[in-house]
Amino acid sequence: MSNRKLKPIKELIKIYVINGGIFALLMAGFDWFVDHDFNVWKFVFHFLFFGGFMTFANRFNYYENK
């Protein structure tokens, strides 16, 4: 039997903020590089969507050592 468990909420929030923030900053940097205007709603969407997806994907990636 596996001892795989859900990650603690604090860890999931960290994953959400770090991954979403890095992805949103990279996409904003790319838009700036190709001479597009900065769009706040696009930044927020990238932050929320990618952060949420990575949190969902990593929610069971926690093993408790016995």
Protein backbone atom coordinates (compact mmCIF):
# COMPACT_ATOMS: atom_id res chain seq x y z
CA MET A 1 0.00 0.00 0.00
CA SER A 2 1.30 3.43 -0.90
CA ASN A 3 1.82 6.13 1.69
CA ARG A 4 1.08 8.86 -0.84
CA LYS A 5 -0.97 11.75 0.55
CA LEU A 6 -2.21 15.19 -0.39
CA LYS A 7 0.30 17.96 0.08
CA PRO A 8 -0.42 20.38 2.92
CA ILE A 9 -2.38 23.51 1.97
CA LYS A 10 0.63 25.74 2.69
CA GLU A 11 2.71 23.83 0.14
CA LEU A 12 -0.07 23.97 -2.46
CA ILE A 13 -0.39 27.75 -2.08
CA LYS A 14 3.38 28.11 -2.50
CA ILE A 15 3.26 26.05 -5.70
CA TYR A 16 0.34 28.14 -6.96
CA VAL A 17 2.02 31.50 -6.39
CA ILE A 18 5.53 30.56 -7.53
CA ASN A 19 4.60 28.65 -10.70
CA GLY A 20 1.80 31.01 -11.70
CA GLY A 21 3.95 34.09 -11.07
CA ILE A 22 6.96 32.81 -13.00
CA PHE A 23 4.83 31.77 -15.97
CA ALA A 24 2.92 35.07 -16.03
CA LEU A 25 6.16 37.07 -15.84
CA LEU A 26 7.70 35.05 -18.67
CA MET A 27 4.64 35.56 -20.86
CA ALA A 28 4.59 39.31 -20.09
CA GLY A 29 8.31 39.45 -20.93
CA PHE A 30 7.68 37.68 -24.22
CA ASP A 31 4.89 40.13 -25.09
CA TRP A 32 7.22 43.02 -24.30
CA PHE A 33 9.95 41.44 -26.45
CA VAL A 34 7.66 41.21 -29.51
CA ASP A 35 6.37 44.78 -28.96
CA HIS A 36 2.88 44.02 -27.64
CA ASP A 37 1.27 46.18 -24.98
CA PHE A 38 1.10 44.90 -21.42
CA ASN A 39 -2.36 43.51 -20.73
CA VAL A 40 -3.26 43.14 -17.05
CA TRP A 41 -6.10 40.69 -17.73
CA LYS A 42 -3.82 38.45 -19.77
CA PHE A 43 -1.26 38.53 -16.95
CA VAL A 44 -3.91 37.64 -14.35
CA PHE A 45 -5.28 34.86 -16.56
CA HIS A 46 -1.82 33.34 -17.04
CA PHE A 47 -1.15 33.58 -13.30
CA LEU A 48 -4.44 31.98 -12.26
CA PHE A 49 -4.70 29.35 -14.98
CA PHE A 50 -1.12 28.05 -14.96
CA GLY A 51 -0.78 28.30 -11.18
CA GLY A 52 -4.02 26.38 -10.74
CA PHE A 53 -3.03 23.74 -13.26
CA MET A 54 0.36 23.15 -11.63
CA THR A 55 -1.21 22.97 -8.19
CA PHE A 56 -3.76 20.44 -9.45
CA ALA A 57 -1.01 18.40 -11.13
CA ASN A 58 1.21 18.33 -8.00
CA ARG A 59 -1.41 17.86 -5.29
CA PHE A 60 -0.56 14.18 -4.67
CA ASN A 61 3.19 14.54 -5.06
CA TYR A 62 3.80 14.18 -1.32
CA TYR A 63 5.09 11.10 0.45
CA GLU A 64 5.19 10.67 4.18
CA ASN A 65 8.24 8.82 5.48
CA LYS A 66 7.57 6.26 8.19
